[in-house]
Every structure is written in structure tokens, then in C-alpha cells.
């Protein structure tokens, strides 16, 4: 969600890559649904792990900032970036996975997480340079 929202809000003004501690392959359908409500397309997005990022030749040292959304990703980001001069921030975002009974309750939890991410993005990077719809 964070990568999709970042691209939606700031377009080509920034380079952003979504990376996790592990690769879950498929993006959660609830994430896809709540982002689609804002015009953010995630259905073709694939997650990748820090290890895959390294294997594919992406150099963490070429990034200016790593934002982690979970304690596990924060630990991994700090471990991998200890030799690079870049900022690592931790944003404690609600993990909606497994919360809520039934479709509407689950969507409500995923919307809350999406909205937390959107708020943190605008607090950190300013108003969107592109319309969030």
C-alpha cells in the first residue's frame, strides 16, 4: 500500500521500492480493494524481500531513506543499512491482517491502515503533488 500511495501522491518526483522481510508473492486482496478506492492499482504489484532486492542487484546504498512499517522490517533495515549513510525511519502502522470478522469489518481495518500510511506520507513529504482523488 505504501509504495502505491507514494507513487499516487508524488508520481515520478521520487523513486520508491516496496520491500518486506519476506516475500509473500501475492498482495492481499483487501489491500488491493481499499487502494483501488483511491485510484491506486496494486493488482499487478508483487512484493519482494530484502534478500531478493540484493540478489537482483539493487544497492541499498543508492537510497536516501528506508521507511519500515513493522518492527521486523525495522530490525532488518537497520541490519542491512549499517554500512550505508541513509536514514531509517519506523512508522508504527496498524497491521490489519487477521483483524475483523467478515468482509466489511476486514475492509474497515485495511482502510484504517491505508489512511494511516497516507497521513504519514503527507506529514513527512508534504501535500501530494498529484491528486489523490
N, C-alpha and C. Protein backbone atom coordinates (compact mmCIF):
# COMPACT_ATOMS: atom_id res chain seq x y z
N UNK A 1 0.82 -1.19 0.00
CA UNK A 1 0.00 0.00 0.00
C UNK A 1 0.87 1.26 0.00
N UNK A 2 1.94 1.23 0.79
CA UNK A 2 2.77 2.43 0.92
C UNK A 2 3.39 2.84 -0.42
N UNK A 3 3.93 1.88 -1.16
CA UNK A 3 4.54 2.21 -2.45
C UNK A 3 3.49 2.76 -3.41
N UNK A 4 2.35 2.11 -3.48
CA UNK A 4 1.28 2.57 -4.36
C UNK A 4 0.81 3.97 -4.03
N UNK A 5 0.61 4.23 -2.74
CA UNK A 5 0.17 5.57 -2.32
C UNK A 5 1.25 6.62 -2.60
N UNK A 6 2.50 6.26 -2.34
CA UNK A 6 3.60 7.20 -2.60
C UNK A 6 3.64 7.58 -4.08
N UNK A 7 3.52 6.60 -4.95
CA UNK A 7 3.53 6.88 -6.39
C UNK A 7 2.31 7.71 -6.80
N UNK A 8 1.17 7.41 -6.19
CA UNK A 8 -0.04 8.15 -6.50
C UNK A 8 0.09 9.62 -6.08
N UNK A 9 0.63 9.84 -4.89
CA UNK A 9 0.74 11.20 -4.35
C UNK A 9 1.85 12.02 -4.99
N UNK A 10 2.98 11.38 -5.31
CA UNK A 10 4.17 12.14 -5.71
C UNK A 10 4.70 11.77 -7.09
N UNK A 11 4.08 10.82 -7.76
CA UNK A 11 4.44 10.49 -9.13
C UNK A 11 5.90 10.17 -9.31
N UNK A 12 6.47 10.76 -10.33
CA UNK A 12 7.86 10.49 -10.68
C UNK A 12 8.84 11.39 -9.94
N UNK A 13 8.35 12.15 -8.96
CA UNK A 13 9.23 13.03 -8.19
C UNK A 13 10.16 12.24 -7.28
N UNK A 14 9.80 10.99 -6.99
CA UNK A 14 10.61 10.15 -6.11
C UNK A 14 10.72 8.74 -6.69
N UNK A 15 11.77 8.06 -6.29
CA UNK A 15 11.92 6.65 -6.64
C UNK A 15 11.60 5.86 -5.38
N UNK A 16 10.67 4.93 -5.48
CA UNK A 16 10.24 4.18 -4.32
C UNK A 16 10.18 2.69 -4.66
N UNK A 17 10.61 1.86 -3.72
CA UNK A 17 10.53 0.42 -3.85
C UNK A 17 9.96 -0.16 -2.58
N UNK A 18 8.99 -1.03 -2.71
CA UNK A 18 8.40 -1.71 -1.57
C UNK A 18 9.12 -3.02 -1.34
N UNK A 19 9.61 -3.20 -0.12
CA UNK A 19 10.36 -4.40 0.22
C UNK A 19 9.92 -4.85 1.60
N UNK A 20 9.87 -6.15 1.79
CA UNK A 20 9.49 -6.69 3.09
C UNK A 20 10.54 -7.63 3.63
N UNK A 21 10.30 -8.08 4.83
CA UNK A 21 11.22 -9.04 5.45
C UNK A 21 11.21 -10.34 4.68
N UNK A 22 10.01 -10.73 4.25
CA UNK A 22 9.88 -11.94 3.44
C UNK A 22 8.98 -11.63 2.25
N UNK A 23 9.04 -12.50 1.28
CA UNK A 23 8.24 -12.33 0.07
C UNK A 23 6.97 -13.15 0.20
N UNK A 24 5.83 -12.46 0.25
CA UNK A 24 4.56 -13.17 0.33
C UNK A 24 3.97 -13.42 -1.06
N UNK A 25 4.67 -13.04 -2.10
CA UNK A 25 4.28 -13.18 -3.50
C UNK A 25 3.03 -12.38 -3.86
N UNK A 26 1.90 -12.74 -3.32
CA UNK A 26 0.65 -12.08 -3.68
C UNK A 26 0.32 -10.95 -2.72
N UNK A 27 -0.19 -9.87 -3.27
CA UNK A 27 -0.66 -8.76 -2.45
C UNK A 27 -2.05 -9.12 -1.93
N UNK A 28 -2.30 -8.84 -0.68
CA UNK A 28 -3.58 -9.16 -0.06
C UNK A 28 -4.73 -8.49 -0.82
N UNK A 29 -5.77 -9.24 -1.08
CA UNK A 29 -6.93 -8.74 -1.81
C UNK A 29 -7.60 -7.55 -1.15
N UNK A 30 -7.57 -7.50 0.17
CA UNK A 30 -8.15 -6.36 0.87
C UNK A 30 -7.31 -5.10 0.64
N UNK A 31 -6.00 -5.25 0.58
CA UNK A 31 -5.13 -4.11 0.25
C UNK A 31 -5.44 -3.60 -1.14
N UNK A 32 -5.59 -4.52 -2.07
CA UNK A 32 -5.92 -4.14 -3.45
C UNK A 32 -7.24 -3.37 -3.48
N UNK A 33 -8.25 -3.88 -2.77
CA UNK A 33 -9.58 -3.27 -2.79
C UNK A 33 -9.58 -1.86 -2.20
N UNK A 34 -8.95 -1.68 -1.04
CA UNK A 34 -9.01 -0.35 -0.41
C UNK A 34 -8.13 0.66 -1.13
N UNK A 35 -7.08 0.21 -1.78
CA UNK A 35 -6.27 1.14 -2.57
C UNK A 35 -6.98 1.51 -3.87
N UNK A 36 -7.70 0.57 -4.44
CA UNK A 36 -8.47 0.85 -5.65
C UNK A 36 -9.49 1.96 -5.40
N UNK A 37 -10.02 2.02 -4.18
CA UNK A 37 -10.96 3.08 -3.82
C UNK A 37 -10.35 4.47 -3.99
N UNK A 38 -9.02 4.55 -3.92
CA UNK A 38 -8.31 5.82 -4.08
C UNK A 38 -7.65 5.93 -5.45
N UNK A 39 -7.94 5.00 -6.32
CA UNK A 39 -7.35 5.03 -7.65
C UNK A 39 -5.92 4.52 -7.70
N UNK A 40 -5.53 3.72 -6.73
CA UNK A 40 -4.19 3.14 -6.67
C UNK A 40 -4.29 1.68 -7.08
N UNK A 41 -3.61 1.32 -8.15
CA UNK A 41 -3.64 -0.03 -8.71
C UNK A 41 -2.55 -0.89 -8.08
N UNK A 42 -2.95 -1.92 -7.36
CA UNK A 42 -1.98 -2.83 -6.74
C UNK A 42 -2.07 -4.25 -7.29
N UNK A 43 -3.05 -4.54 -8.12
CA UNK A 43 -3.27 -5.93 -8.52
C UNK A 43 -2.10 -6.54 -9.28
N UNK A 44 -1.29 -5.72 -9.93
CA UNK A 44 -0.13 -6.24 -10.66
C UNK A 44 1.16 -6.14 -9.84
N UNK A 45 1.07 -5.54 -8.68
CA UNK A 45 2.23 -5.36 -7.82
C UNK A 45 2.63 -6.70 -7.19
N UNK A 46 3.90 -6.94 -7.09
CA UNK A 46 4.41 -8.14 -6.44
C UNK A 46 5.37 -7.69 -5.34
N UNK A 47 5.25 -8.33 -4.20
CA UNK A 47 6.15 -7.98 -3.11
C UNK A 47 7.48 -8.71 -3.30
N UNK A 48 8.49 -8.16 -2.68
CA UNK A 48 9.79 -8.82 -2.70
C UNK A 48 10.47 -8.59 -1.36
N UNK A 49 11.40 -9.44 -1.06
CA UNK A 49 12.09 -9.38 0.22
C UNK A 49 13.38 -8.57 0.08
N UNK A 50 13.95 -8.21 1.23
CA UNK A 50 15.26 -7.54 1.23
C UNK A 50 16.29 -8.42 0.53
N UNK A 51 16.24 -9.73 0.78
CA UNK A 51 17.21 -10.64 0.16
C UNK A 51 17.07 -10.63 -1.35
N UNK A 52 15.82 -10.65 -1.85
CA UNK A 52 15.61 -10.61 -3.30
C UNK A 52 16.11 -9.29 -3.88
N UNK A 53 15.90 -8.23 -3.16
CA UNK A 53 16.37 -6.93 -3.62
C UNK A 53 17.89 -6.96 -3.83
N UNK A 54 18.59 -7.52 -2.88
CA UNK A 54 20.05 -7.64 -3.01
C UNK A 54 20.43 -8.57 -4.15
N UNK A 55 19.73 -9.72 -4.27
CA UNK A 55 20.02 -10.68 -5.33
C UNK A 55 19.82 -10.07 -6.71
N UNK A 56 18.84 -9.17 -6.85
CA UNK A 56 18.53 -8.56 -8.13
C UNK A 56 19.41 -7.35 -8.42
N UNK A 57 20.35 -7.07 -7.52
CA UNK A 57 21.31 -6.02 -7.79
C UNK A 57 20.94 -4.63 -7.33
N UNK A 58 19.85 -4.49 -6.60
CA UNK A 58 19.50 -3.18 -6.07
C UNK A 58 20.41 -2.88 -4.89
N UNK A 59 21.08 -1.76 -4.94
CA UNK A 59 22.02 -1.35 -3.92
C UNK A 59 21.31 -0.47 -2.90
N UNK A 60 21.19 -0.94 -1.67
CA UNK A 60 20.53 -0.15 -0.64
C UNK A 60 21.23 1.19 -0.43
N UNK A 61 22.51 1.23 -0.71
CA UNK A 61 23.27 2.47 -0.56
C UNK A 61 22.84 3.56 -1.52
N UNK A 62 22.08 3.19 -2.55
CA UNK A 62 21.64 4.21 -3.51
C UNK A 62 20.34 4.90 -3.06
N UNK A 63 19.77 4.45 -1.96
CA UNK A 63 18.56 5.07 -1.43
C UNK A 63 18.93 6.11 -0.38
N UNK A 64 18.06 7.09 -0.21
CA UNK A 64 18.26 8.11 0.81
C UNK A 64 17.55 7.79 2.11
N UNK A 65 16.47 7.02 2.00
CA UNK A 65 15.61 6.80 3.14
C UNK A 65 14.96 5.41 3.05
N UNK A 66 14.92 4.73 4.18
CA UNK A 66 14.17 3.49 4.30
C UNK A 66 13.12 3.73 5.37
N UNK A 67 11.86 3.46 5.03
CA UNK A 67 10.77 3.58 5.99
C UNK A 67 10.24 2.18 6.25
N UNK A 68 10.31 1.77 7.49
CA UNK A 68 9.81 0.44 7.84
C UNK A 68 8.48 0.59 8.56
N UNK A 69 7.59 -0.37 8.28
CA UNK A 69 6.24 -0.31 8.83
C UNK A 69 5.97 -1.40 9.86
N UNK A 70 6.97 -2.19 10.18
CA UNK A 70 6.82 -3.22 11.20
C UNK A 70 8.13 -3.32 11.97
N UNK A 71 8.07 -3.79 13.21
CA UNK A 71 9.32 -3.96 13.98
C UNK A 71 10.30 -4.90 13.29
N UNK A 72 9.80 -5.96 12.66
CA UNK A 72 10.70 -6.91 11.98
C UNK A 72 11.41 -6.25 10.81
N UNK A 73 10.67 -5.46 10.02
CA UNK A 73 11.32 -4.79 8.89
C UNK A 73 12.28 -3.70 9.38
N UNK A 74 11.97 -3.08 10.50
CA UNK A 74 12.88 -2.08 11.08
C UNK A 74 14.21 -2.72 11.45
N UNK A 75 14.14 -3.86 12.13
CA UNK A 75 15.38 -4.57 12.51
C UNK A 75 16.19 -4.95 11.29
N UNK A 76 15.52 -5.50 10.28
CA UNK A 76 16.22 -5.94 9.06
C UNK A 76 16.82 -4.76 8.31
N UNK A 77 16.07 -3.66 8.23
CA UNK A 77 16.58 -2.47 7.54
C UNK A 77 17.81 -1.91 8.25
N UNK A 78 17.77 -1.85 9.56
CA UNK A 78 18.94 -1.36 10.31
C UNK A 78 20.14 -2.27 10.14
N UNK A 79 19.89 -3.57 10.12
CA UNK A 79 20.96 -4.54 9.92
C UNK A 79 21.61 -4.36 8.54
N UNK A 80 20.78 -4.21 7.52
CA UNK A 80 21.29 -4.11 6.15
C UNK A 80 21.90 -2.75 5.83
N UNK A 81 21.50 -1.73 6.55
CA UNK A 81 21.96 -0.38 6.21
C UNK A 81 23.06 0.14 7.13
N UNK A 82 23.55 -0.68 8.02
CA UNK A 82 24.54 -0.18 8.98
C UNK A 82 25.83 0.31 8.32
N UNK A 83 26.07 -0.12 7.08
CA UNK A 83 27.28 0.30 6.38
C UNK A 83 27.01 1.43 5.39
N UNK A 84 25.78 1.89 5.32
CA UNK A 84 25.40 2.93 4.37
C UNK A 84 24.99 4.19 5.13
N UNK A 85 25.20 5.32 4.50
CA UNK A 85 24.76 6.58 5.09
C UNK A 85 23.37 6.91 4.55
N UNK A 86 22.37 6.39 5.22
CA UNK A 86 21.00 6.69 4.84
C UNK A 86 20.12 6.63 6.08
N UNK A 87 19.02 7.32 5.99
CA UNK A 87 18.08 7.39 7.10
C UNK A 87 17.18 6.17 7.13
N UNK A 88 16.88 5.69 8.32
CA UNK A 88 15.90 4.63 8.50
C UNK A 88 14.87 5.15 9.51
N UNK A 89 13.62 5.17 9.09
CA UNK A 89 12.53 5.60 9.96
C UNK A 89 11.57 4.44 10.18
N UNK A 90 11.01 4.40 11.37
CA UNK A 90 9.99 3.40 11.68
C UNK A 90 8.66 4.11 11.87
N UNK A 91 7.66 3.68 11.11
CA UNK A 91 6.30 4.20 11.22
C UNK A 91 5.43 3.06 11.75
N UNK A 92 4.98 3.12 12.97
CA UNK A 92 4.14 2.05 13.52
C UNK A 92 2.72 2.10 12.94
N UNK A 93 2.53 1.39 11.86
CA UNK A 93 1.25 1.34 11.16
C UNK A 93 0.51 0.08 11.58
N UNK A 94 -0.78 0.20 11.79
CA UNK A 94 -1.64 -0.93 12.12
C UNK A 94 -1.47 -2.04 11.08
N UNK A 95 -1.24 -3.26 11.55
CA UNK A 95 -1.22 -4.41 10.65
C UNK A 95 -2.62 -5.00 10.63
N UNK A 96 -3.36 -4.80 9.54
CA UNK A 96 -4.76 -5.22 9.51
C UNK A 96 -4.96 -6.71 9.24
N UNK A 97 -3.90 -7.42 8.95
CA UNK A 97 -4.01 -8.84 8.63
C UNK A 97 -4.62 -9.60 9.79
N UNK A 98 -5.67 -10.32 9.51
CA UNK A 98 -6.32 -11.14 10.52
C UNK A 98 -7.28 -10.40 11.44
N UNK A 99 -7.45 -9.09 11.24
CA UNK A 99 -8.37 -8.33 12.08
C UNK A 99 -9.74 -8.25 11.42
N UNK A 100 -10.77 -8.27 12.23
CA UNK A 100 -12.14 -8.12 11.73
C UNK A 100 -12.77 -9.44 11.33
N UNK A 101 -14.05 -9.53 11.62
CA UNK A 101 -14.83 -10.71 11.22
C UNK A 101 -15.73 -10.31 10.06
N UNK A 102 -15.62 -10.97 8.96
CA UNK A 102 -16.43 -10.66 7.79
C UNK A 102 -15.77 -9.62 6.90
N UNK A 103 -16.22 -9.58 5.66
CA UNK A 103 -15.61 -8.72 4.64
C UNK A 103 -15.61 -7.25 5.02
N UNK A 104 -16.74 -6.70 5.45
CA UNK A 104 -16.81 -5.27 5.75
C UNK A 104 -15.92 -4.88 6.92
N UNK A 105 -15.87 -5.73 7.94
CA UNK A 105 -15.01 -5.45 9.09
C UNK A 105 -13.53 -5.49 8.68
N UNK A 106 -13.19 -6.44 7.83
CA UNK A 106 -11.80 -6.52 7.35
C UNK A 106 -11.46 -5.30 6.49
N UNK A 107 -12.37 -4.90 5.62
CA UNK A 107 -12.14 -3.71 4.80
C UNK A 107 -11.95 -2.47 5.67
N UNK A 108 -12.71 -2.37 6.73
CA UNK A 108 -12.57 -1.24 7.65
C UNK A 108 -11.16 -1.20 8.24
N UNK A 109 -10.62 -2.34 8.63
CA UNK A 109 -9.27 -2.40 9.19
C UNK A 109 -8.22 -2.03 8.14
N UNK A 110 -8.39 -2.52 6.92
CA UNK A 110 -7.44 -2.20 5.86
C UNK A 110 -7.52 -0.73 5.46
N UNK A 111 -8.72 -0.16 5.48
CA UNK A 111 -8.86 1.28 5.22
C UNK A 111 -8.13 2.09 6.29
N UNK A 112 -8.24 1.66 7.53
CA UNK A 112 -7.56 2.36 8.63
C UNK A 112 -6.04 2.34 8.41
N UNK A 113 -5.49 1.20 8.02
CA UNK A 113 -4.06 1.10 7.75
C UNK A 113 -3.68 1.98 6.56
N UNK A 114 -4.47 1.92 5.49
CA UNK A 114 -4.23 2.75 4.30
C UNK A 114 -4.21 4.23 4.69
N UNK A 115 -5.19 4.64 5.48
CA UNK A 115 -5.30 6.04 5.87
C UNK A 115 -4.15 6.47 6.78
N UNK A 116 -3.67 5.56 7.63
CA UNK A 116 -2.51 5.87 8.47
C UNK A 116 -1.28 6.10 7.59
N UNK A 117 -1.11 5.25 6.60
CA UNK A 117 0.04 5.40 5.69
C UNK A 117 -0.08 6.72 4.93
N UNK A 118 -1.25 7.02 4.41
CA UNK A 118 -1.45 8.26 3.65
C UNK A 118 -1.15 9.48 4.52
N UNK A 119 -1.59 9.44 5.76
CA UNK A 119 -1.34 10.57 6.67
C UNK A 119 0.16 10.73 6.96
N UNK A 120 0.84 9.60 7.20
CA UNK A 120 2.28 9.66 7.47
C UNK A 120 3.05 10.18 6.25
N UNK A 121 2.62 9.76 5.05
CA UNK A 121 3.28 10.24 3.84
C UNK A 121 3.16 11.75 3.71
N UNK A 122 1.96 12.28 3.90
CA UNK A 122 1.78 13.72 3.75
C UNK A 122 2.45 14.49 4.89
N UNK A 123 2.49 13.92 6.09
CA UNK A 123 3.22 14.57 7.19
C UNK A 123 4.71 14.65 6.87
N UNK A 124 5.24 13.59 6.29
CA UNK A 124 6.69 13.51 6.03
C UNK A 124 7.11 14.24 4.76
N UNK A 125 6.30 14.12 3.70
CA UNK A 125 6.72 14.62 2.39
C UNK A 125 5.91 15.81 1.89
N UNK A 126 4.92 16.24 2.65
CA UNK A 126 4.12 17.38 2.25
C UNK A 126 2.91 16.98 1.44
N UNK A 127 2.12 17.98 1.06
CA UNK A 127 0.91 17.70 0.30
C UNK A 127 1.25 16.97 -1.02
N UNK A 128 0.36 16.10 -1.44
CA UNK A 128 0.60 15.39 -2.71
C UNK A 128 0.82 16.38 -3.86
N UNK A 129 1.75 16.03 -4.71
CA UNK A 129 1.99 16.84 -5.91
C UNK A 129 1.06 16.40 -7.03
N UNK A 130 0.41 15.28 -6.81
CA UNK A 130 -0.61 14.76 -7.74
C UNK A 130 -1.88 14.55 -6.95
N UNK A 131 -3.01 14.64 -7.59
CA UNK A 131 -4.30 14.49 -6.92
C UNK A 131 -4.49 13.07 -6.41
N UNK A 132 -4.79 12.91 -5.09
CA UNK A 132 -5.04 11.58 -4.56
C UNK A 132 -6.43 11.07 -4.87
N UNK A 133 -7.25 11.83 -5.53
CA UNK A 133 -8.64 11.50 -5.92
C UNK A 133 -9.47 11.28 -4.71
